């Protein structure tokens, strides 16, 4: 028969052996991880593309015709040739159109997808009070500058 002392001794030996095995496994895996891990510093190189200007053209006006001294509609179509979405941030006049047509700067916020098809943007214009008689029934060019910005598009 096993004495009480031998039984207690075996328990301590067993516990000690279990603790030793667990600690060895933990330390061994830590050493292996540290032995196979390293790091270094440096920099990567890339190159940014160049933004393309929006494609701007006149659009068809079907309502809001102009008369001397009154306001009406003008339509501009804008498309985005860039590979990223943009927002039209402003449409500004670059001079007076034929027949004395003017407009105030406009911030439409129209969103254009990457490589978008033309999108029509309508805005208000005013014809000069003293517009000549030959302005009746003609298409009137209104010079504009359309500005787009990235990071805010559709």
N, C-alpha and C. Protein backbone atom coordinates (compact mmCIF):
# COMPACT_ATOMS: atom_id res chain seq x y z
N UNK A 1 0.81 -1.17 0.00
CA UNK A 1 0.00 0.00 0.00
C UNK A 1 0.87 1.25 0.00
N UNK A 2 0.36 2.35 -0.63
CA UNK A 2 1.13 3.60 -0.74
C UNK A 2 0.83 4.43 0.49
N UNK A 3 1.88 4.96 1.03
CA UNK A 3 1.69 5.80 2.21
C UNK A 3 1.19 7.18 1.80
N UNK A 4 0.65 7.85 2.80
CA UNK A 4 0.11 9.20 2.57
C UNK A 4 1.20 10.13 2.04
N UNK A 5 2.42 10.00 2.58
CA UNK A 5 3.54 10.83 2.15
C UNK A 5 3.87 10.61 0.68
N UNK A 6 3.90 9.38 0.26
CA UNK A 6 4.19 9.07 -1.14
C UNK A 6 3.10 9.62 -2.05
N UNK A 7 1.83 9.54 -1.62
CA UNK A 7 0.71 10.05 -2.40
C UNK A 7 0.82 11.56 -2.59
N UNK A 8 1.12 12.27 -1.49
CA UNK A 8 1.27 13.73 -1.57
C UNK A 8 2.47 14.06 -2.43
N UNK A 9 3.54 13.37 -2.32
CA UNK A 9 4.73 13.61 -3.13
C UNK A 9 4.47 13.43 -4.61
N UNK A 10 3.70 12.40 -4.95
CA UNK A 10 3.36 12.17 -6.35
C UNK A 10 2.52 13.32 -6.91
N UNK A 11 1.58 13.82 -6.09
CA UNK A 11 0.76 14.95 -6.55
C UNK A 11 1.63 16.16 -6.87
N UNK A 12 2.57 16.46 -5.98
CA UNK A 12 3.45 17.60 -6.22
C UNK A 12 4.31 17.39 -7.45
N UNK A 13 4.77 16.15 -7.63
CA UNK A 13 5.58 15.84 -8.80
C UNK A 13 4.72 15.99 -10.06
N UNK A 14 3.51 15.47 -10.01
CA UNK A 14 2.62 15.58 -11.16
C UNK A 14 2.31 17.05 -11.47
N UNK A 15 1.98 17.82 -10.44
CA UNK A 15 1.69 19.25 -10.65
C UNK A 15 2.92 19.97 -11.18
N UNK A 16 4.05 19.68 -10.62
CA UNK A 16 5.29 20.31 -11.08
C UNK A 16 5.59 19.97 -12.53
N UNK A 17 5.36 18.72 -12.89
CA UNK A 17 5.59 18.27 -14.25
C UNK A 17 4.64 18.98 -15.22
N UNK A 18 3.37 19.12 -14.84
CA UNK A 18 2.38 19.81 -15.68
C UNK A 18 2.76 21.27 -15.85
N UNK A 19 3.13 21.92 -14.74
CA UNK A 19 3.55 23.33 -14.81
C UNK A 19 4.78 23.46 -15.69
N UNK A 20 5.73 22.57 -15.56
CA UNK A 20 6.95 22.62 -16.37
C UNK A 20 6.63 22.47 -17.86
N UNK A 21 5.77 21.53 -18.21
CA UNK A 21 5.41 21.30 -19.61
C UNK A 21 4.70 22.52 -20.19
N UNK A 22 3.74 23.08 -19.45
CA UNK A 22 3.00 24.25 -19.93
C UNK A 22 3.94 25.44 -20.11
N UNK A 23 4.80 25.70 -19.13
CA UNK A 23 5.74 26.83 -19.22
C UNK A 23 6.73 26.64 -20.37
N UNK A 24 7.20 25.44 -20.56
CA UNK A 24 8.13 25.16 -21.65
C UNK A 24 7.45 25.40 -23.00
N UNK A 25 6.20 24.97 -23.11
CA UNK A 25 5.47 25.18 -24.37
C UNK A 25 5.26 26.67 -24.63
N UNK A 26 4.89 27.39 -23.58
CA UNK A 26 4.64 28.83 -23.74
C UNK A 26 5.93 29.57 -24.08
N UNK A 27 6.98 29.29 -23.36
CA UNK A 27 8.26 29.96 -23.63
C UNK A 27 8.84 29.52 -24.96
N UNK A 28 8.70 28.27 -25.27
CA UNK A 28 9.23 27.75 -26.54
C UNK A 28 8.55 28.40 -27.73
N UNK A 29 7.21 28.57 -27.68
CA UNK A 29 6.52 29.21 -28.80
C UNK A 29 6.88 30.68 -28.88
N UNK A 30 7.09 31.33 -27.74
CA UNK A 30 7.50 32.74 -27.74
C UNK A 30 8.87 32.91 -28.36
N UNK A 31 9.77 32.03 -28.04
CA UNK A 31 11.11 32.09 -28.61
C UNK A 31 11.05 31.84 -30.10
N UNK A 32 10.24 30.87 -30.53
CA UNK A 32 10.12 30.56 -31.95
C UNK A 32 9.52 31.76 -32.69
N UNK A 33 8.53 32.39 -32.12
CA UNK A 33 7.91 33.55 -32.75
C UNK A 33 8.93 34.68 -32.89
N UNK A 34 9.65 34.93 -31.81
CA UNK A 34 10.65 36.00 -31.83
C UNK A 34 11.77 35.68 -32.81
N UNK A 35 12.11 34.42 -32.93
CA UNK A 35 13.20 34.04 -33.81
C UNK A 35 12.85 34.21 -35.28
N UNK A 36 11.55 34.19 -35.63
CA UNK A 36 11.15 34.26 -37.02
C UNK A 36 10.47 35.57 -37.38
N UNK A 37 10.46 36.54 -36.51
CA UNK A 37 9.82 37.82 -36.77
C UNK A 37 10.88 38.90 -36.82
N UNK A 38 10.74 39.76 -37.81
CA UNK A 38 11.64 40.91 -37.89
C UNK A 38 10.90 42.03 -38.60
N UNK A 39 11.41 43.21 -38.51
CA UNK A 39 10.79 44.35 -39.19
C UNK A 39 11.87 45.31 -39.64
N UNK A 40 11.49 46.18 -40.53
CA UNK A 40 12.41 47.19 -41.02
C UNK A 40 11.62 48.42 -41.45
N UNK A 41 12.27 49.52 -41.64
CA UNK A 41 11.60 50.74 -42.06
C UNK A 41 12.09 51.15 -43.44
N UNK A 42 11.30 51.94 -44.09
CA UNK A 42 11.63 52.42 -45.43
C UNK A 42 10.45 53.19 -45.96
N UNK A 43 10.34 53.34 -47.22
CA UNK A 43 9.18 54.02 -47.80
C UNK A 43 8.81 53.34 -49.11
N UNK A 44 7.50 53.40 -49.40
CA UNK A 44 7.00 52.87 -50.67
C UNK A 44 6.90 54.03 -51.65
N UNK A 45 6.87 53.73 -52.91
CA UNK A 45 6.76 54.77 -53.92
C UNK A 45 5.55 54.51 -54.79
N UNK A 46 4.82 55.56 -55.07
CA UNK A 46 3.67 55.50 -55.97
C UNK A 46 3.60 56.81 -56.72
N UNK A 47 2.67 56.95 -57.61
CA UNK A 47 2.56 58.19 -58.36
C UNK A 47 1.08 58.53 -58.54
N UNK A 48 0.74 59.77 -58.31
CA UNK A 48 -0.64 60.23 -58.47
C UNK A 48 -0.90 60.58 -59.94
N UNK A 49 -2.12 60.34 -60.36
CA UNK A 49 -2.52 60.70 -61.72
C UNK A 49 -2.80 62.19 -61.81
N UNK A 50 -3.16 62.65 -62.98
CA UNK A 50 -3.49 64.05 -63.22
C UNK A 50 -4.98 64.17 -63.46
N UNK A 51 -5.60 65.14 -62.78
CA UNK A 51 -7.04 65.36 -62.92
C UNK A 51 -7.34 65.91 -64.31
N UNK A 52 -8.45 65.45 -64.87
CA UNK A 52 -8.91 65.93 -66.16
C UNK A 52 -10.01 66.96 -65.96
N UNK A 53 -10.07 67.94 -66.82
CA UNK A 53 -11.10 68.97 -66.74
C UNK A 53 -12.46 68.38 -67.11
N UNK A 54 -13.54 68.89 -66.50
CA UNK A 54 -14.86 68.40 -66.89
C UNK A 54 -15.17 68.78 -68.33
N UNK A 55 -15.99 67.98 -68.98
CA UNK A 55 -16.42 68.27 -70.34
C UNK A 55 -17.71 69.09 -70.22
N UNK A 56 -17.68 70.31 -70.75
CA UNK A 56 -18.80 71.25 -70.61
C UNK A 56 -19.34 71.60 -71.99
N UNK A 57 -20.66 71.54 -72.13
CA UNK A 57 -21.31 71.91 -73.39
C UNK A 57 -22.66 72.52 -73.09
N UNK A 58 -23.20 73.24 -74.05
CA UNK A 58 -24.54 73.80 -73.89
C UNK A 58 -25.57 72.71 -74.02
N UNK A 59 -26.72 72.96 -73.43
CA UNK A 59 -27.80 72.00 -73.49
C UNK A 59 -29.03 72.63 -74.12
N UNK A 60 -30.02 71.83 -74.40
CA UNK A 60 -31.25 72.32 -75.00
C UNK A 60 -32.11 73.01 -73.95
N UNK A 61 -32.66 74.16 -74.30
CA UNK A 61 -33.57 74.90 -73.43
C UNK A 61 -34.98 74.69 -73.96
N UNK A 62 -35.85 74.16 -73.12
CA UNK A 62 -37.23 73.91 -73.57
C UNK A 62 -38.24 74.77 -72.84
N UNK A 63 -37.86 75.34 -71.69
CA UNK A 63 -38.75 76.23 -70.93
C UNK A 63 -37.95 77.42 -70.44
N UNK A 64 -38.62 78.41 -69.89
CA UNK A 64 -37.94 79.57 -69.31
C UNK A 64 -37.23 80.41 -70.34
N UNK A 65 -37.90 80.75 -71.47
CA UNK A 65 -37.27 81.53 -72.53
C UNK A 65 -36.99 82.95 -72.05
N UNK A 66 -35.99 83.57 -72.68
CA UNK A 66 -35.57 84.92 -72.29
C UNK A 66 -36.30 86.01 -73.06
N UNK A 67 -36.51 87.14 -72.36
CA UNK A 67 -37.05 88.36 -72.94
C UNK A 67 -36.26 89.51 -72.34
N UNK A 68 -36.16 90.64 -73.03
CA UNK A 68 -35.37 91.77 -72.53
C UNK A 68 -35.76 92.14 -71.09
N UNK A 69 -34.73 92.19 -70.21
CA UNK A 69 -34.92 92.57 -68.82
C UNK A 69 -35.48 91.48 -67.93
N UNK A 70 -35.76 90.32 -68.46
CA UNK A 70 -36.34 89.24 -67.66
C UNK A 70 -35.37 88.06 -67.53
N UNK A 71 -35.66 87.20 -66.57
CA UNK A 71 -34.83 86.02 -66.35
C UNK A 71 -35.45 84.80 -67.02
N UNK A 72 -34.61 83.86 -67.35
CA UNK A 72 -35.04 82.61 -67.96
C UNK A 72 -34.05 81.52 -67.60
N UNK A 73 -34.11 80.43 -68.33
CA UNK A 73 -33.25 79.28 -68.03
C UNK A 73 -32.11 79.16 -69.03
N UNK A 74 -30.99 78.66 -68.53
CA UNK A 74 -29.87 78.25 -69.38
C UNK A 74 -29.51 76.83 -68.94
N UNK A 75 -29.06 76.03 -69.86
CA UNK A 75 -28.70 74.65 -69.55
C UNK A 75 -27.27 74.40 -69.99
N UNK A 76 -26.51 73.79 -69.10
CA UNK A 76 -25.16 73.37 -69.43
C UNK A 76 -25.07 71.88 -69.11
N UNK A 77 -24.42 71.12 -69.98
CA UNK A 77 -24.20 69.70 -69.67
C UNK A 77 -22.75 69.53 -69.25
N UNK A 78 -22.57 68.72 -68.22
CA UNK A 78 -21.24 68.49 -67.66
C UNK A 78 -21.05 66.99 -67.51
N UNK A 79 -19.89 66.50 -67.94
CA UNK A 79 -19.55 65.09 -67.72
C UNK A 79 -18.17 65.02 -67.08
N UNK A 80 -17.94 63.94 -66.38
CA UNK A 80 -16.70 63.74 -65.65
C UNK A 80 -15.86 62.68 -66.36
N UNK A 81 -14.73 63.06 -66.97
CA UNK A 81 -13.89 62.08 -67.66
C UNK A 81 -12.92 61.36 -66.71
N UNK A 82 -12.90 61.75 -65.44
CA UNK A 82 -11.95 61.19 -64.48
C UNK A 82 -12.38 59.80 -64.00
N UNK A 83 -11.43 59.00 -63.53
CA UNK A 83 -11.75 57.65 -63.03
C UNK A 83 -12.23 57.65 -61.58
N UNK A 84 -12.63 58.80 -61.06
CA UNK A 84 -13.12 58.92 -59.69
C UNK A 84 -14.33 59.87 -59.68
N UNK A 85 -15.23 59.74 -58.71
CA UNK A 85 -16.41 60.60 -58.67
C UNK A 85 -16.05 62.03 -58.24
N UNK A 86 -16.85 62.99 -58.69
CA UNK A 86 -16.63 64.40 -58.36
C UNK A 86 -17.97 65.08 -58.08
N UNK A 87 -17.88 66.30 -57.57
CA UNK A 87 -19.05 67.15 -57.38
C UNK A 87 -18.79 68.46 -58.09
N UNK A 88 -19.81 68.97 -58.80
CA UNK A 88 -19.71 70.30 -59.41
C UNK A 88 -19.82 71.29 -58.26
N UNK A 89 -18.74 72.04 -58.03
CA UNK A 89 -18.74 72.98 -56.90
C UNK A 89 -19.21 74.37 -57.29
N UNK A 90 -19.04 74.74 -58.56
CA UNK A 90 -19.55 76.04 -58.99
C UNK A 90 -19.65 76.14 -60.50
N UNK A 91 -20.54 77.01 -60.91
CA UNK A 91 -20.65 77.39 -62.31
C UNK A 91 -20.57 78.91 -62.29
N UNK A 92 -19.52 79.45 -62.89
CA UNK A 92 -19.27 80.89 -62.85
C UNK A 92 -19.25 81.47 -64.26
N UNK A 93 -19.66 82.69 -64.36
CA UNK A 93 -19.65 83.39 -65.63
C UNK A 93 -18.22 83.78 -65.98
N UNK A 94 -17.88 83.64 -67.25
CA UNK A 94 -16.56 84.10 -67.71
C UNK A 94 -16.71 85.31 -68.61
N UNK A 95 -17.87 85.93 -68.56
CA UNK A 95 -18.14 87.12 -69.37
C UNK A 95 -19.62 87.21 -69.68
N UNK A 96 -19.97 88.23 -70.40
CA UNK A 96 -21.37 88.42 -70.79
C UNK A 96 -21.63 87.66 -72.08
N UNK A 97 -22.74 86.94 -72.10
CA UNK A 97 -23.10 86.20 -73.30
C UNK A 97 -23.63 87.14 -74.37
N UNK A 98 -23.86 86.58 -75.54
CA UNK A 98 -24.45 87.38 -76.61
C UNK A 98 -25.81 87.89 -76.12
N UNK A 99 -26.24 89.00 -76.64
CA UNK A 99 -27.51 89.63 -76.28
C UNK A 99 -27.52 90.13 -74.83
N UNK A 100 -26.33 90.31 -74.22
CA UNK A 100 -26.26 90.84 -72.87
C UNK A 100 -26.78 89.90 -71.80
N UNK A 101 -26.67 88.61 -72.02
CA UNK A 101 -27.16 87.64 -71.05
C UNK A 101 -26.11 87.43 -69.95
N UNK A 102 -26.54 87.53 -68.70
CA UNK A 102 -25.65 87.35 -67.56
C UNK A 102 -26.29 86.43 -66.52
N UNK A 103 -25.48 85.96 -65.60
CA UNK A 103 -26.00 85.19 -64.46
C UNK A 103 -25.01 85.30 -63.31
N UNK A 104 -25.51 85.05 -62.12
CA UNK A 104 -24.65 85.06 -60.93
C UNK A 104 -24.04 83.68 -60.75
N UNK A 105 -22.90 83.64 -60.08
CA UNK A 105 -22.24 82.35 -59.82
C UNK A 105 -23.19 81.41 -59.09
N UNK A 106 -23.07 80.16 -59.40
CA UNK A 106 -23.98 79.16 -58.83
C UNK A 106 -23.16 78.01 -58.26
N UNK A 107 -23.60 77.49 -57.13
CA UNK A 107 -22.97 76.33 -56.49
C UNK A 107 -23.96 75.18 -56.50
N UNK A 108 -24.02 74.41 -57.57
CA UNK A 108 -25.07 73.40 -57.69
C UNK A 108 -24.89 72.15 -56.84
N UNK A 109 -23.67 71.72 -56.57
CA UNK A 109 -23.48 70.50 -55.79
C UNK A 109 -23.88 69.23 -56.53
N UNK A 110 -24.00 69.29 -57.84
CA UNK A 110 -24.36 68.10 -58.62
C UNK A 110 -23.23 67.08 -58.55
N UNK A 111 -23.56 65.85 -58.23
CA UNK A 111 -22.56 64.79 -58.15
C UNK A 111 -22.46 64.05 -59.47
N UNK A 112 -21.23 63.78 -59.88
CA UNK A 112 -20.98 63.07 -61.13
C UNK A 112 -20.15 61.82 -60.83
N UNK A 113 -20.60 60.69 -61.32
CA UNK A 113 -19.88 59.43 -61.14
C UNK A 113 -18.60 59.44 -61.98
N UNK A 114 -17.72 58.51 -61.71
CA UNK A 114 -16.51 58.35 -62.52
C UNK A 114 -16.93 58.05 -63.96
N UNK A 115 -16.24 58.67 -64.90
CA UNK A 115 -16.51 58.48 -66.33
C UNK A 115 -18.00 58.67 -66.64
N UNK A 116 -18.59 59.71 -66.08
CA UNK A 116 -20.04 59.90 -66.22
C UNK A 116 -20.45 60.36 -67.62
N UNK A 117 -21.69 60.06 -67.95
CA UNK A 117 -22.32 60.59 -69.16
C UNK A 117 -22.67 62.05 -68.85
N UNK A 118 -22.94 62.87 -69.87
CA UNK A 118 -23.29 64.27 -69.63
C UNK A 118 -24.56 64.40 -68.76
N UNK A 119 -24.49 65.31 -67.80
CA UNK A 119 -25.61 65.60 -66.91
C UNK A 119 -26.01 67.05 -67.15
N UNK A 120 -27.31 67.30 -67.39
CA UNK A 120 -27.79 68.66 -67.64
C UNK A 120 -28.02 69.39 -66.32
N UNK A 121 -27.49 70.60 -66.24
CA UNK A 121 -27.68 71.46 -65.06
C UNK A 121 -28.34 72.75 -65.55
N UNK A 122 -29.50 73.05 -64.99
CA UNK A 122 -30.24 74.25 -65.37
C UNK A 122 -30.00 75.35 -64.34
N UNK A 123 -29.82 76.57 -64.82
CA UNK A 123 -29.66 77.71 -63.92
C UNK A 123 -30.30 78.93 -64.55
N UNK A 124 -30.51 79.95 -63.73
CA UNK A 124 -31.22 81.16 -64.17
C UNK A 124 -30.26 82.17 -64.78
N UNK A 125 -30.69 82.79 -65.88
CA UNK A 125 -29.93 83.86 -66.54
C UNK A 125 -30.86 85.04 -66.79
N UNK A 126 -30.27 86.20 -67.02
CA UNK A 126 -31.05 87.40 -67.27
C UNK A 126 -30.58 88.06 -68.56
N UNK A 127 -31.53 88.48 -69.40
CA UNK A 127 -31.20 89.16 -70.65
C UNK A 127 -31.19 90.67 -70.38
N UNK A 128 -30.25 91.35 -71.00
CA UNK A 128 -30.14 92.80 -70.85
C UNK A 128 -31.42 93.48 -71.33
N UNK A 129 -31.79 94.56 -70.66
CA UNK A 129 -33.00 95.32 -71.01
C UNK A 129 -32.91 95.86 -72.44
N UNK A 130 -31.71 96.22 -72.87
CA UNK A 130 -31.52 96.82 -74.20
C UNK A 130 -31.00 95.80 -75.23
N UNK A 131 -31.39 94.53 -75.10
CA UNK A 131 -30.95 93.49 -76.05
C UNK A 131 -31.43 93.86 -77.46
N UNK A 132 -30.57 93.69 -78.48
CA UNK A 132 -30.94 94.07 -79.84
C UNK A 132 -32.05 93.18 -80.42
N UNK A 133 -32.71 93.68 -81.42
CA UNK A 133 -33.83 93.01 -82.06
C UNK A 133 -33.43 91.66 -82.66
N UNK A 134 -32.17 91.52 -83.11
CA UNK A 134 -31.75 90.26 -83.74
C UNK A 134 -31.55 89.14 -82.72
N UNK A 135 -31.84 89.38 -81.43
CA UNK A 135 -31.75 88.33 -80.40
C UNK A 135 -33.03 87.51 -80.30
N UNK A 136 -34.05 87.90 -81.03
CA UNK A 136 -35.32 87.18 -80.95
C UNK A 136 -35.19 85.78 -81.55
N UNK A 137 -35.61 84.77 -80.77
CA UNK A 137 -35.69 83.40 -81.27
C UNK A 137 -34.37 82.70 -81.55
N UNK A 138 -33.24 83.26 -81.11
CA UNK A 138 -31.94 82.64 -81.39
C UNK A 138 -31.40 81.94 -80.15
N UNK A 139 -30.53 80.96 -80.39
CA UNK A 139 -29.81 80.31 -79.28
C UNK A 139 -28.71 81.26 -78.83
N UNK A 140 -28.59 81.45 -77.54
CA UNK A 140 -27.63 82.41 -76.98
C UNK A 140 -26.56 81.66 -76.20
N UNK A 141 -25.31 81.90 -76.55
CA UNK A 141 -24.19 81.28 -75.83
C UNK A 141 -23.91 82.08 -74.56
N UNK A 142 -23.78 81.38 -73.45
CA UNK A 142 -23.45 82.00 -72.16
C UNK A 142 -22.12 81.38 -71.72
N UNK A 143 -21.02 82.16 -71.72
CA UNK A 143 -19.72 81.59 -71.35
C UNK A 143 -19.65 81.28 -69.85
N UNK A 144 -19.26 80.04 -69.53
CA UNK A 144 -19.20 79.61 -68.14
C UNK A 144 -17.90 78.85 -67.83
N UNK A 145 -17.57 78.84 -66.57
CA UNK A 145 -16.46 78.04 -66.05
C UNK A 145 -17.07 77.09 -65.03
N UNK A 146 -16.96 75.80 -65.28
CA UNK A 146 -17.50 74.79 -64.37
C UNK A 146 -16.33 74.23 -63.56
N UNK A 147 -16.46 74.26 -62.23
CA UNK A 147 -15.41 73.76 -61.35
C UNK A 147 -15.92 72.50 -60.65
N UNK A 148 -15.05 71.49 -60.64
CA UNK A 148 -15.39 70.22 -59.97
C UNK A 148 -14.37 69.95 -58.86
N UNK A 149 -14.76 69.11 -57.91
CA UNK A 149 -13.86 68.73 -56.84
C UNK A 149 -14.01 67.24 -56.56
N UNK A 150 -12.91 66.59 -56.26
CA UNK A 150 -12.94 65.17 -55.94
C UNK A 150 -13.28 64.98 -54.47
N UNK A 151 -13.52 63.74 -54.11
CA UNK A 151 -13.75 63.42 -52.71
C UNK A 151 -15.17 63.68 -52.24
N UNK A 152 -16.00 64.22 -53.09
CA UNK A 152 -17.36 64.53 -52.68
C UNK A 152 -18.37 64.04 -53.70
N UNK A 153 -17.90 63.19 -54.62
CA UNK A 153 -18.79 62.77 -55.69
C UNK A 153 -19.62 61.58 -55.36
N UNK A 154 -20.36 61.12 -56.36
CA UNK A 154 -21.28 59.99 -56.21
C UNK A 154 -20.55 58.68 -56.30
